[in-house]
């Protein structure tokens, strides 16, 4: 006996699934990035570094992304935002995975 209708399913739409996948990726990236900052601070404390030295160490987490930002913006203006975003994600993942 053929069916005249399709039953409703509880699967999210492709837009909602894409949003959830993006949120999961950002959550994982932030967890790794924040964990690397904590690990860097603890690594600096181990040999007996002063708080000022650890502050300088952690400042590199803000300064290093600042340097290529202008060039990434120019690339995004010319070719679209996808290329700099993917490149930044790859470099960030490599930085988190390296000891």
Protein backbone atom coordinates (compact mmCIF):
# COMPACT_ATOMS: atom_id res chain seq x y z
CA UNK A 1 0.00 0.00 0.00
CA UNK A 2 1.64 3.29 -1.08
CA UNK A 3 1.90 6.21 1.30
CA UNK A 4 0.40 9.53 0.32
CA UNK A 5 2.46 11.58 2.77
CA UNK A 6 5.83 11.59 4.49
CA UNK A 7 5.74 11.48 8.28
CA UNK A 8 7.34 14.37 10.12
CA UNK A 9 10.76 13.63 11.50
CA UNK A 10 12.58 15.16 14.43
CA UNK A 11 15.78 15.87 12.49
CA UNK A 12 16.90 19.49 12.48
CA UNK A 13 16.93 21.44 9.26
CA UNK A 14 20.22 21.81 7.43
CA UNK A 15 20.52 25.41 8.67
CA UNK A 16 20.08 24.40 12.30
CA UNK A 17 22.49 21.47 11.89
CA UNK A 18 25.08 23.78 10.36
CA UNK A 19 24.66 26.23 13.23
CA UNK A 20 25.05 23.48 15.83
CA UNK A 21 28.13 22.17 14.05
CA UNK A 22 29.64 25.67 13.98
CA UNK A 23 28.93 26.17 17.68
CA UNK A 24 30.59 22.83 18.48
CA UNK A 25 33.69 23.79 16.47
CA UNK A 26 33.96 27.20 18.17
CA UNK A 27 33.47 25.62 21.59
CA UNK A 28 36.25 23.09 20.95
CA UNK A 29 38.58 25.77 19.58
CA UNK A 30 37.99 28.07 22.55
CA UNK A 31 38.54 25.21 24.99
CA UNK A 32 41.87 24.39 23.38
CA UNK A 33 42.93 28.02 23.15
CA UNK A 34 42.05 28.83 26.75
CA UNK A 35 43.70 25.59 27.89
CA UNK A 36 46.87 26.61 26.07
CA UNK A 37 46.86 29.95 27.89
CA UNK A 38 46.54 28.22 31.26
CA UNK A 39 49.27 25.73 30.31
CA UNK A 40 51.56 28.59 29.25
CA UNK A 41 51.04 30.37 32.57
CA UNK A 42 51.73 27.19 34.53
CA UNK A 43 54.76 26.45 32.38
CA UNK A 44 56.07 29.94 33.17
CA UNK A 45 55.53 29.44 36.90
CA UNK A 46 57.48 26.19 36.98
CA UNK A 47 60.98 27.72 36.64
CA UNK A 48 60.04 30.51 39.05
CA UNK A 49 59.11 33.34 36.67
CA UNK A 50 57.82 36.58 38.11
CA UNK A 51 54.21 37.67 37.51
CA UNK A 52 55.40 40.39 35.12
CA UNK A 53 57.21 37.79 33.00
CA UNK A 54 54.10 35.62 32.86
CA UNK A 55 52.07 38.67 31.86
CA UNK A 56 54.46 39.28 28.97
CA UNK A 57 54.19 35.63 27.98
CA UNK A 58 50.40 35.77 27.96
CA UNK A 59 50.40 39.10 26.08
CA UNK A 60 51.75 37.23 23.06
CA UNK A 61 48.34 35.55 22.80
CA UNK A 62 46.90 38.98 21.97
CA UNK A 63 49.76 40.54 20.01
CA UNK A 64 50.49 37.65 17.64
CA UNK A 65 47.01 37.62 16.04
CA UNK A 66 47.15 41.40 15.75
CA UNK A 67 50.14 41.35 13.40
CA UNK A 68 48.63 39.41 10.44
CA UNK A 69 45.15 40.90 10.87
CA UNK A 70 45.65 43.72 8.35
CA UNK A 71 46.97 41.35 5.70
CA UNK A 72 44.17 38.88 6.36
CA UNK A 73 41.68 41.74 5.94
CA UNK A 74 43.19 42.66 2.59
CA UNK A 75 43.00 39.04 1.44
CA UNK A 76 39.39 38.86 2.61
CA UNK A 77 38.55 42.01 0.65
CA UNK A 78 40.03 40.52 -2.52
CA UNK A 79 39.02 36.87 -2.33
CA UNK A 80 36.27 36.63 0.27
CA UNK A 81 36.34 35.77 3.95
CA UNK A 82 36.58 31.99 3.63
CA UNK A 83 40.32 31.78 2.80
CA UNK A 84 41.60 33.83 5.78
CA UNK A 85 39.15 32.11 8.13
CA UNK A 86 40.25 28.63 7.09
CA UNK A 87 43.93 29.62 7.20
CA UNK A 88 43.48 31.12 10.66
CA UNK A 89 41.68 28.03 11.91
CA UNK A 90 44.44 25.76 10.58
CA UNK A 91 47.21 27.88 12.14
CA UNK A 92 45.29 28.10 15.44
CA UNK A 93 44.76 24.34 15.53
CA UNK A 94 48.44 23.75 14.83
CA UNK A 95 49.39 26.18 17.61
CA UNK A 96 47.12 24.44 20.10
CA UNK A 97 48.39 20.99 19.15
CA UNK A 98 52.07 21.89 19.34
CA UNK A 99 53.63 21.56 22.81
